[in-house]
PDB file of all heavy atoms in Angstrom:
ATOM      1  N   LYS A   1     -12.414  -2.213  13.965  1.00  0.00           N
ATOM      2  CA  LYS A   1     -11.004  -2.571  14.191  1.00  0.00           C
ATOM      3  C   LYS A   1     -10.907  -3.937  14.867  1.00  0.00           C
ATOM      4  O   LYS A   1     -11.860  -4.418  15.473  1.00  0.00           O
ATOM      5  CB  LYS A   1     -10.318  -1.515  15.044  1.00  0.00           C
ATOM      6  CG  LYS A   1     -10.199  -0.151  14.362  1.00  0.00           C
ATOM      7  CD  LYS A   1      -9.348   0.785  15.181  1.00  0.00           C
ATOM      8  CE  LYS A   1      -9.154   2.115  14.470  1.00  0.00           C
ATOM      9  NZ  LYS A   1      -8.292   3.040  15.264  1.00  0.00           N
ATOM     10  N   GLU A   2      -9.729  -4.524  14.770  1.00  0.00           N
ATOM     11  CA  GLU A   2      -9.492  -5.800  15.429  1.00  0.00           C
ATOM     12  C   GLU A   2      -9.292  -5.590  16.927  1.00  0.00           C
ATOM     13  O   GLU A   2      -8.938  -4.503  17.382  1.00  0.00           O
ATOM     14  CB  GLU A   2      -8.263  -6.486  14.831  1.00  0.00           C
ATOM     15  CG  GLU A   2      -8.447  -6.933  13.394  1.00  0.00           C
ATOM     16  CD  GLU A   2      -7.287  -7.776  12.905  1.00  0.00           C
ATOM     17  OE1 GLU A   2      -6.293  -7.903  13.630  1.00  0.00           O
ATOM     18  OE2 GLU A   2      -7.389  -8.317  11.792  1.00  0.00           O
ATOM     19  N   ARG A   3      -9.508  -6.666  17.659  1.00  0.00           N
ATOM     20  CA  ARG A   3      -9.263  -6.623  19.094  1.00  0.00           C
ATOM     21  C   ARG A   3      -7.774  -6.366  19.336  1.00  0.00           C
ATOM     22  O   ARG A   3      -6.912  -6.972  18.711  1.00  0.00           O
ATOM     23  CB  ARG A   3      -9.689  -7.939  19.720  1.00  0.00           C
ATOM     24  CG  ARG A   3      -9.560  -7.994  21.222  1.00  0.00           C
ATOM     25  CD  ARG A   3     -10.227  -9.255  21.755  1.00  0.00           C
ATOM     26  NE  ARG A   3     -11.667  -9.105  21.852  1.00  0.00           N
ATOM     27  CZ  ARG A   3     -12.492 -10.095  22.174  1.00  0.00           C
ATOM     28  NH1 ARG A   3     -12.008 -11.309  22.387  1.00  0.00           N
ATOM     29  NH2 ARG A   3     -13.786  -9.892  22.254  1.00  0.00           N
ATOM     30  N   GLU A   4      -7.495  -5.471  20.271  1.00  0.00           N
ATOM     31  CA  GLU A   4      -6.125  -5.010  20.517  1.00  0.00           C
ATOM     32  C   GLU A   4      -5.718  -5.273  21.954  1.00  0.00           C
ATOM     33  O   GLU A   4      -6.470  -4.969  22.891  1.00  0.00           O
ATOM     34  CB  GLU A   4      -6.057  -3.506  20.223  1.00  0.00           C
ATOM     35  CG  GLU A   4      -4.733  -2.839  20.531  1.00  0.00           C
ATOM     36  CD  GLU A   4      -4.815  -1.320  20.441  1.00  0.00           C
ATOM     37  OE1 GLU A   4      -5.931  -0.770  20.575  1.00  0.00           O
ATOM     38  OE2 GLU A   4      -3.766  -0.690  20.249  1.00  0.00           O
ATOM     39  N   PHE A   5      -4.538  -5.808  22.127  1.00  0.00           N
ATOM     40  CA  PHE A   5      -3.997  -6.030  23.467  1.00  0.00           C
ATOM     41  C   PHE A   5      -3.711  -4.690  24.128  1.00  0.00           C
ATOM     42  O   PHE A   5      -3.187  -3.764  23.495  1.00  0.00           O
ATOM     43  CB  PHE A   5      -2.716  -6.853  23.372  1.00  0.00           C
ATOM     44  CG  PHE A   5      -1.947  -6.944  24.657  1.00  0.00           C
ATOM     45  CD1 PHE A   5      -2.313  -7.854  25.634  1.00  0.00           C
ATOM     46  CD2 PHE A   5      -0.865  -6.115  24.892  1.00  0.00           C
ATOM     47  CE1 PHE A   5      -1.614  -7.936  26.824  1.00  0.00           C
ATOM     48  CE2 PHE A   5      -0.152  -6.196  26.071  1.00  0.00           C
ATOM     49  CZ  PHE A   5      -0.521  -7.110  27.034  1.00  0.00           C
ATOM     50  N   VAL A   6      -4.010  -4.602  25.419  1.00  0.00           N
ATOM     51  CA  VAL A   6      -3.754  -3.379  26.178  1.00  0.00           C
ATOM     52  C   VAL A   6      -2.713  -3.611  27.270  1.00  0.00           C
ATOM     53  O   VAL A   6      -1.703  -2.907  27.330  1.00  0.00           O
ATOM     54  CB  VAL A   6      -5.057  -2.836  26.802  1.00  0.00           C
ATOM     55  CG1 VAL A   6      -4.760  -1.604  27.661  1.00  0.00           C
ATOM     56  CG2 VAL A   6      -6.083  -2.512  25.732  1.00  0.00           C
ATOM     57  N   ALA A   7      -2.958  -4.593  28.123  1.00  0.00           N
ATOM     58  CA  ALA A   7      -2.054  -4.822  29.252  1.00  0.00           C
ATOM     59  C   ALA A   7      -2.305  -6.207  29.824  1.00  0.00           C
ATOM     60  O   ALA A   7      -3.372  -6.783  29.628  1.00  0.00           O
ATOM     61  CB  ALA A   7      -2.270  -3.763  30.337  1.00  0.00           C
ATOM     62  N   ALA A   8      -1.309  -6.727  30.539  1.00  0.00           N
ATOM     63  CA  ALA A   8      -1.440  -8.020  31.200  1.00  0.00           C
ATOM     64  C   ALA A   8      -0.677  -7.996  32.513  1.00  0.00           C
ATOM     65  O   ALA A   8       0.249  -7.188  32.706  1.00  0.00           O
ATOM     66  CB  ALA A   8      -0.933  -9.142  30.306  1.00  0.00           C
ATOM     67  N   ILE A   9      -1.069  -8.913  33.402  1.00  0.00           N
ATOM     68  CA  ILE A   9      -0.441  -8.986  34.714  1.00  0.00           C
ATOM     69  C   ILE A   9      -0.404 -10.440  35.152  1.00  0.00           C
ATOM     70  O   ILE A   9      -1.317 -11.212  34.848  1.00  0.00           O
ATOM     71  CB  ILE A   9      -1.222  -8.107  35.720  1.00  0.00           C
ATOM     72  CG1 ILE A   9      -0.494  -7.999  37.057  1.00  0.00           C
ATOM     73  CG2 ILE A   9      -2.644  -8.625  35.930  1.00  0.00           C
ATOM     74  CD1 ILE A   9      -1.060  -6.925  37.973  1.00  0.00           C
ATOM     75  N   ASN A  10       0.648 -10.817  35.861  1.00  0.00           N
ATOM     76  CA  ASN A  10       0.737 -12.193  36.326  1.00  0.00           C
ATOM     77  C   ASN A  10      -0.067 -12.368  37.611  1.00  0.00           C
ATOM     78  O   ASN A  10      -0.661 -11.427  38.129  1.00  0.00           O
ATOM     79  CB  ASN A  10       2.194 -12.623  36.508  1.00  0.00           C
ATOM     80  CG  ASN A  10       2.895 -11.885  37.635  1.00  0.00           C
ATOM     81  OD1 ASN A  10       2.405 -10.874  38.124  1.00  0.00           O
ATOM     82  ND2 ASN A  10       4.048 -12.386  38.050  1.00  0.00           N
ATOM     83  N   TRP A  11      -0.087 -13.601  38.119  1.00  0.00           N
ATOM     84  CA  TRP A  11      -0.938 -13.902  39.263  1.00  0.00           C
ATOM     85  C   TRP A  11      -0.587 -13.065  40.489  1.00  0.00           C
ATOM     86  O   TRP A  11      -1.465 -12.520  41.155  1.00  0.00           O
ATOM     87  CB  TRP A  11      -0.843 -15.382  39.609  1.00  0.00           C
ATOM     88  CG  TRP A  11      -1.489 -15.731  40.914  1.00  0.00           C
ATOM     89  CD1 TRP A  11      -0.871 -16.044  42.070  1.00  0.00           C
ATOM     90  CD2 TRP A  11      -2.888 -15.748  41.202  1.00  0.00           C
ATOM     91  NE1 TRP A  11      -1.798 -16.292  43.056  1.00  0.00           N
ATOM     92  CE2 TRP A  11      -3.039 -16.096  42.547  1.00  0.00           C
ATOM     93  CE3 TRP A  11      -4.028 -15.505  40.433  1.00  0.00           C
ATOM     94  CZ2 TRP A  11      -4.292 -16.224  43.148  1.00  0.00           C
ATOM     95  CZ3 TRP A  11      -5.277 -15.635  41.030  1.00  0.00           C
ATOM     96  CH2 TRP A  11      -5.392 -15.981  42.370  1.00  0.00           C
ATOM     97  N   SER A  12       0.702 -12.948  40.772  1.00  0.00           N
ATOM     98  CA  SER A  12       1.106 -12.244  41.992  1.00  0.00           C
ATOM     99  C   SER A  12       1.051 -10.734  41.836  1.00  0.00           C
ATOM    100  O   SER A  12       1.097 -10.002  42.829  1.00  0.00           O
ATOM    101  CB  SER A  12       2.521 -12.658  42.396  1.00  0.00           C
ATOM    102  OG  SER A  12       3.455 -12.193  41.429  1.00  0.00           O
ATOM    103  N   GLY A  13       0.995 -10.276  40.595  1.00  0.00           N
ATOM    104  CA  GLY A  13       1.033  -8.842  40.362  1.00  0.00           C
ATOM    105  C   GLY A  13       2.441  -8.290  40.259  1.00  0.00           C
ATOM    106  O   GLY A  13       2.639  -7.087  40.120  1.00  0.00           O
ATOM    107  N   SER A  14       3.433  -9.158  40.324  1.00  0.00           N
ATOM    108  CA  SER A  14       4.819  -8.714  40.305  1.00  0.00           C
ATOM    109  C   SER A  14       5.325  -8.391  38.918  1.00  0.00           C
ATOM    110  O   SER A  14       6.382  -7.755  38.768  1.00  0.00           O
ATOM    111  CB  SER A  14       5.716  -9.790  40.928  1.00  0.00           C
ATOM    112  OG  SER A  14       5.642 -10.981  40.165  1.00  0.00           O
ATOM    113  N   SER A  15       4.606  -8.819  37.906  1.00  0.00           N
ATOM    114  CA  SER A  15       5.042  -8.603  36.532  1.00  0.00           C
ATOM    115  C   SER A  15       3.875  -8.107  35.689  1.00  0.00           C
ATOM    116  O   SER A  15       2.766  -8.634  35.774  1.00  0.00           O
ATOM    117  CB  SER A  15       5.601  -9.900  35.943  1.00  0.00           C
ATOM    118  OG  SER A  15       6.076  -9.694  34.634  1.00  0.00           O
ATOM    119  N   THR A  16       4.154  -7.076  34.891  1.00  0.00           N
ATOM    120  CA  THR A  16       3.136  -6.499  34.026  1.00  0.00           C
ATOM    121  C   THR A  16       3.703  -6.265  32.628  1.00  0.00           C
ATOM    122  O   THR A  16       4.928  -6.259  32.435  1.00  0.00           O
ATOM    123  CB  THR A  16       2.611  -5.163  34.575  1.00  0.00           C
ATOM    124  OG1 THR A  16       3.724  -4.260  34.737  1.00  0.00           O
ATOM    125  CG2 THR A  16       1.918  -5.342  35.913  1.00  0.00           C
ATOM    126  N   TYR A  17       2.800  -6.066  31.695  1.00  0.00           N
ATOM    127  CA  TYR A  17       3.207  -5.873  30.301  1.00  0.00           C
ATOM    128  C   TYR A  17       2.177  -4.967  29.648  1.00  0.00           C
ATOM    129  O   TYR A  17       0.977  -5.141  29.872  1.00  0.00           O
ATOM    130  CB  TYR A  17       3.265  -7.230  29.598  1.00  0.00           C
ATOM    131  CG  TYR A  17       3.722  -7.208  28.165  1.00  0.00           C
ATOM    132  CD1 TYR A  17       4.917  -6.598  27.791  1.00  0.00           C
ATOM    133  CD2 TYR A  17       2.971  -7.816  27.173  1.00  0.00           C
ATOM    134  CE1 TYR A  17       5.337  -6.597  26.477  1.00  0.00           C
ATOM    135  CE2 TYR A  17       3.387  -7.819  25.853  1.00  0.00           C
ATOM    136  CZ  TYR A  17       4.568  -7.209  25.509  1.00  0.00           C
ATOM    137  OH  TYR A  17       4.993  -7.215  24.205  1.00  0.00           O
ATOM    138  N   TYR A  18       2.649  -3.990  28.869  1.00  0.00           N
ATOM    139  CA  TYR A  18       1.755  -3.007  28.284  1.00  0.00           C
ATOM    140  C   TYR A  18       1.979  -2.856  26.784  1.00  0.00           C
ATOM    141  O   TYR A  18       3.101  -2.993  26.285  1.00  0.00           O
ATOM    142  CB  TYR A  18       1.976  -1.629  28.936  1.00  0.00           C
ATOM    143  CG  TYR A  18       1.624  -1.575  30.397  1.00  0.00           C
ATOM    144  CD1 TYR A  18       2.590  -1.801  31.371  1.00  0.00           C
ATOM    145  CD2 TYR A  18       0.314  -1.291  30.801  1.00  0.00           C
ATOM    146  CE1 TYR A  18       2.266  -1.748  32.717  1.00  0.00           C
ATOM    147  CE2 TYR A  18      -0.016  -1.239  32.148  1.00  0.00           C
ATOM    148  CZ  TYR A  18       0.972  -1.471  33.091  1.00  0.00           C
ATOM    149  OH  TYR A  18       0.651  -1.418  34.431  1.00  0.00           O
ATOM    150  N   ALA A  19       0.918  -2.528  26.103  1.00  0.00           N
ATOM    151  CA  ALA A  19       1.043  -2.113  24.716  1.00  0.00           C
ATOM    152  C   ALA A  19       1.726  -0.745  24.692  1.00  0.00           C
ATOM    153  O   ALA A  19       1.540   0.070  25.607  1.00  0.00           O
ATOM    154  CB  ALA A  19      -0.332  -2.027  24.062  1.00  0.00           C
ATOM    155  N   ASP A  20       2.489  -0.496  23.658  1.00  0.00           N
ATOM    156  CA  ASP A  20       3.201   0.778  23.562  1.00  0.00           C
ATOM    157  C   ASP A  20       2.244   1.968  23.586  1.00  0.00           C
ATOM    158  O   ASP A  20       2.581   3.035  24.095  1.00  0.00           O
ATOM    159  CB  ASP A  20       4.036   0.811  22.276  1.00  0.00           C
ATOM    160  CG  ASP A  20       5.241  -0.102  22.336  1.00  0.00           C
ATOM    161  OD1 ASP A  20       5.634  -0.517  23.449  1.00  0.00           O
ATOM    162  OD2 ASP A  20       5.790  -0.414  21.260  1.00  0.00           O
ATOM    163  N   SER A  21       1.064   1.765  23.051  1.00  0.00           N
ATOM    164  CA  SER A  21       0.116   2.868  22.926  1.00  0.00           C
ATOM    165  C   SER A  21      -0.427   3.349  24.270  1.00  0.00           C
ATOM    166  O   SER A  21      -0.964   4.455  24.362  1.00  0.00           O
ATOM    167  CB  SER A  21      -1.050   2.455  22.023  1.00  0.00           C
ATOM    168  OG  SER A  21      -1.704   1.313  22.548  1.00  0.00           O
ATOM    169  N   VAL A  22      -0.291   2.534  25.308  1.00  0.00           N
ATOM    170  CA  VAL A  22      -0.841   2.920  26.615  1.00  0.00           C
ATOM    171  C   VAL A  22       0.235   3.022  27.690  1.00  0.00           C
ATOM    172  O   VAL A  22      -0.057   3.464  28.810  1.00  0.00           O
ATOM    173  CB  VAL A  22      -1.934   1.930  27.077  1.00  0.00           C
ATOM    174  CG1 VAL A  22      -3.007   1.783  26.014  1.00  0.00           C
ATOM    175  CG2 VAL A  22      -1.340   0.576  27.449  1.00  0.00           C
ATOM    176  N   LYS A  23       1.435   2.652  27.358  1.00  0.00           N
ATOM    177  CA  LYS A  23       2.522   2.658  28.338  1.00  0.00           C
ATOM    178  C   LYS A  23       2.709   4.062  28.896  1.00  0.00           C
ATOM    179  O   LYS A  23       2.774   5.037  28.166  1.00  0.00           O
ATOM    180  CB  LYS A  23       3.806   2.153  27.674  1.00  0.00           C
ATOM    181  CG  LYS A  23       4.868   1.652  28.626  1.00  0.00           C
ATOM    182  CD  LYS A  23       6.029   1.032  27.855  1.00  0.00           C
ATOM    183  CE  LYS A  23       5.605  -0.202  27.105  1.00  0.00           C
ATOM    184  NZ  LYS A  23       6.754  -0.844  26.401  1.00  0.00           N
ATOM    185  N   GLY A  24       2.789   4.148  30.216  1.00  0.00           N
ATOM    186  CA  GLY A  24       2.959   5.437  30.865  1.00  0.00           C
ATOM    187  C   GLY A  24       1.649   6.138  31.183  1.00  0.00           C
ATOM    188  O   GLY A  24       1.634   7.125  31.930  1.00  0.00           O
ATOM    189  N   ARG A  25       0.553   5.661  30.626  1.00  0.00           N
ATOM    190  CA  ARG A  25      -0.764   6.265  30.882  1.00  0.00           C
ATOM    191  C   ARG A  25      -1.689   5.304  31.621  1.00  0.00           C
ATOM    192  O   ARG A  25      -2.497   5.731  32.440  1.00  0.00           O
ATOM    193  CB  ARG A  25      -1.423   6.681  29.562  1.00  0.00           C
ATOM    194  CG  ARG A  25      -0.644   7.693  28.771  1.00  0.00           C
ATOM    195  CD  ARG A  25      -1.453   8.196  27.568  1.00  0.00           C
ATOM    196  NE  ARG A  25      -1.805   7.129  26.640  1.00  0.00           N
ATOM    197  CZ  ARG A  25      -3.054   6.792  26.325  1.00  0.00           C
ATOM    198  NH1 ARG A  25      -4.073   7.436  26.849  1.00  0.00           N
ATOM    199  NH2 ARG A  25      -3.290   5.806  25.460  1.00  0.00           N
ATOM    200  N   PHE A  26      -1.601   4.022  31.301  1.00  0.00           N
ATOM    201  CA  PHE A  26      -2.462   3.008  31.903  1.00  0.00           C
ATOM    202  C   PHE A  26      -1.656   2.170  32.885  1.00  0.00           C
ATOM    203  O   PHE A  26      -0.454   1.932  32.680  1.00  0.00           O
ATOM    204  CB  PHE A  26      -3.041   2.077  30.835  1.00  0.00           C
ATOM    205  CG  PHE A  26      -4.054   2.705  29.911  1.00  0.00           C
ATOM    206  CD1 PHE A  26      -4.261   4.075  29.875  1.00  0.00           C
ATOM    207  CD2 PHE A  26      -4.808   1.908  29.071  1.00  0.00           C
ATOM    208  CE1 PHE A  26      -5.188   4.642  29.023  1.00  0.00           C
ATOM    209  CE2 PHE A  26      -5.748   2.447  28.208  1.00  0.00           C
ATOM    210  CZ  PHE A  26      -5.923   3.816  28.182  1.00  0.00           C
ATOM    211  N   THR A  27      -2.341   1.706  33.924  1.00  0.00           N
ATOM    212  CA  THR A  27      -1.720   0.831  34.914  1.00  0.00           C
ATOM    213  C   THR A  27      -2.644  -0.343  35.195  1.00  0.00           C
ATOM    214  O   THR A  27      -3.822  -0.141  35.502  1.00  0.00           O
ATOM    215  CB  THR A  27      -1.439   1.577  36.224  1.00  0.00           C
ATOM    216  OG1 THR A  27      -0.591   2.708  35.959  1.00  0.00           O
ATOM    217  CG2 THR A  27      -0.736   0.666  37.224  1.00  0.00           C
ATOM    218  N   ILE A  28      -2.100  -1.545  35.106  1.00  0.00           N
ATOM    219  CA  ILE A  28      -2.860  -2.743  35.456  1.00  0.00           C
ATOM    220  C   ILE A  28      -2.375  -3.219  36.821  1.00  0.00           C
ATOM    221  O   ILE A  28      -1.171  -3.223  37.108  1.00  0.00           O
ATOM    222  CB  ILE A  28      -2.698  -3.844  34.380  1.00  0.00           C
ATOM    223  CG1 ILE A  28      -3.618  -5.022  34.685  1.00  0.00           C
ATOM    224  CG2 ILE A  28      -1.244  -4.273  34.231  1.00  0.00           C
ATOM    225  CD1 ILE A  28      -3.671  -6.060  33.546  1.00  0.00           C
ATOM    226  N   PHE A  29      -3.305  -3.572  37.676  1.00  0.00           N
ATOM    227  CA  PHE A  29      -2.949  -4.113  38.980  1.00  0.00           C
ATOM    228  C   PHE A  29      -4.077  -5.016  39.449  1.00  0.00           C
ATOM    229  O   PHE A  29      -5.176  -5.016  38.872  1.00  0.00           O
ATOM    230  CB  PHE A  29      -2.649  -3.006  39.997  1.00  0.00           C
ATOM    231  CG  PHE A  29      -3.776  -2.037  40.262  1.00  0.00           C
ATOM    232  CD1 PHE A  29      -4.557  -2.159  41.402  1.00  0.00           C
ATOM    233  CD2 PHE A  29      -4.053  -1.000  39.385  1.00  0.00           C
ATOM    234  CE1 PHE A  29      -5.585  -1.265  41.663  1.00  0.00           C
ATOM    235  CE2 PHE A  29      -5.078  -0.096  39.632  1.00  0.00           C
ATOM    236  CZ  PHE A  29      -5.850  -0.231  40.781  1.00  0.00           C
ATOM    237  N   ARG A  30      -3.810  -5.800  40.472  1.00  0.00           N
ATOM    238  CA  ARG A  30      -4.815  -6.759  40.911  1.00  0.00           C
ATOM    239  C   ARG A  30      -4.860  -6.853  42.421  1.00  0.00           C
ATOM    240  O   ARG A  30      -3.868  -6.602  43.098  1.00  0.00           O
ATOM    241  CB  ARG A  30      -4.560  -8.118  40.271  1.00  0.00           C
ATOM    242  CG  ARG A  30      -3.296  -8.822  40.677  1.00  0.00           C
ATOM    243  CD  ARG A  30      -2.979  -9.985  39.709  1.00  0.00           C
ATOM    244  NE  ARG A  30      -4.039 -10.984  39.700  1.00  0.00           N
ATOM    245  CZ  ARG A  30      -4.127 -11.957  38.783  1.00  0.00           C
ATOM    246  NH1 ARG A  30      -3.222 -12.038  37.818  1.00  0.00           N
ATOM    247  NH2 ARG A  30      -5.113 -12.837  38.829  1.00  0.00           N
ATOM    248  N   ASP A  31      -6.000  -7.232  42.915  1.00  0.00           N
ATOM    249  CA  ASP A  31      -6.233  -7.487  44.331  1.00  0.00           C
ATOM    250  C   ASP A  31      -6.753  -8.913  44.428  1.00  0.00           C
ATOM    251  O   ASP A  31      -7.944  -9.160  44.224  1.00  0.00           O
ATOM    252  CB  ASP A  31      -7.239  -6.475  44.889  1.00  0.00           C
ATOM    253  CG  ASP A  31      -7.498  -6.671  46.369  1.00  0.00           C
ATOM    254  OD1 ASP A  31      -7.103  -7.711  46.920  1.00  0.00           O
ATOM    255  OD2 ASP A  31      -8.118  -5.785  46.980  1.00  0.00           O
ATOM    256  N   ASN A  32      -5.875  -9.846  44.730  1.00  0.00           N
ATOM    257  CA  ASN A  32      -6.278 -11.253  44.732  1.00  0.00           C
ATOM    258  C   ASN A  32      -7.234 -11.582  45.874  1.00  0.00           C
ATOM    259  O   ASN A  32      -7.984 -12.547  45.783  1.00  0.00           O
ATOM    260  CB  ASN A  32      -5.047 -12.154  44.781  1.00  0.00           C
ATOM    261  CG  ASN A  32      -4.323 -12.200  43.450  1.00  0.00           C
ATOM    262  OD1 ASN A  32      -4.885 -11.868  42.403  1.00  0.00           O
ATOM    263  ND2 ASN A  32      -3.066 -12.587  43.476  1.00  0.00           N
ATOM    264  N   ALA A  33      -7.207 -10.808  46.914  1.00  0.00           N
ATOM    265  CA  ALA A  33      -8.157 -11.032  48.011  1.00  0.00           C
ATOM    266  C   ALA A  33      -9.589 -10.792  47.532  1.00  0.00           C
ATOM    267  O   ALA A  33     -10.535 -11.365  48.069  1.00  0.00           O
ATOM    268  CB  ALA A  33      -7.833 -10.121  49.181  1.00  0.00           C
ATOM    269  N   ARG A  34      -9.719  -9.941  46.525  1.00  0.00           N
ATOM    270  CA  ARG A  34     -11.029  -9.642  45.937  1.00  0.00           C
ATOM    271  C   ARG A  34     -11.210 -10.287  44.569  1.00  0.00           C
ATOM    272  O   ARG A  34     -12.207 -10.041  43.897  1.00  0.00           O
ATOM    273  CB  ARG A  34     -11.226  -8.130  45.826  1.00  0.00           C
ATOM    274  CG  ARG A  34     -11.382  -7.409  47.148  1.00  0.00           C
ATOM    275  CD  ARG A  34     -11.561  -5.911  46.941  1.00  0.00           C
ATOM    276  NE  ARG A  34     -11.999  -5.237  48.156  1.00  0.00           N
ATOM    277  CZ  ARG A  34     -11.189  -4.862  49.120  1.00  0.00           C
ATOM    278  NH1 ARG A  34      -9.903  -5.071  49.011  1.00  0.00           N
ATOM    279  NH2 ARG A  34     -11.662  -4.254  50.196  1.00  0.00           N
ATOM    280  N   ASN A  35     -10.219 -11.090  44.155  1.00  0.00           N
ATOM    281  CA  ASN A  35     -10.262 -11.717  42.822  1.00  0.00           C
ATOM    282  C   ASN A  35     -10.549 -10.690  41.736  1.00  0.00           C
ATOM    283  O   ASN A  35     -11.337 -10.929  40.810  1.00  0.00           O
ATOM    284  CB  ASN A  35     -11.317 -12.829  42.776  1.00  0.00           C
ATOM    285  CG  ASN A  35     -10.889 -14.058  43.554  1.00  0.00           C
ATOM    286  OD1 ASN A  35      -9.708 -14.368  43.656  1.00  0.00           O
ATOM    287  ND2 ASN A  35     -11.862 -14.753  44.123  1.00  0.00           N
ATOM    288  N   THR A  36      -9.924  -9.544  41.849  1.00  0.00           N
ATOM    289  CA  THR A  36     -10.224  -8.432  40.953  1.00  0.00           C
ATOM    290  C   THR A  36      -8.951  -7.894  40.301  1.00  0.00           C
ATOM    291  O   THR A  36      -7.927  -7.735  40.966  1.00  0.00           O
ATOM    292  CB  THR A  36     -10.935  -7.297  41.713  1.00  0.00           C
ATOM    293  OG1 THR A  36     -12.129  -7.808  42.307  1.00  0.00           O
ATOM    294  CG2 THR A  36     -11.292  -6.152  40.775  1.00  0.00           C
TER     295      THR A  36
END
């Protein structure tokens, strides 16, 4: 299969975006203090 988008997050973590197939099940978040 082709590479598929799952989720994205902005630098501050204030904005996120999900593929419909994972919405409500997956959560993207970040810890900038850990660059993770």
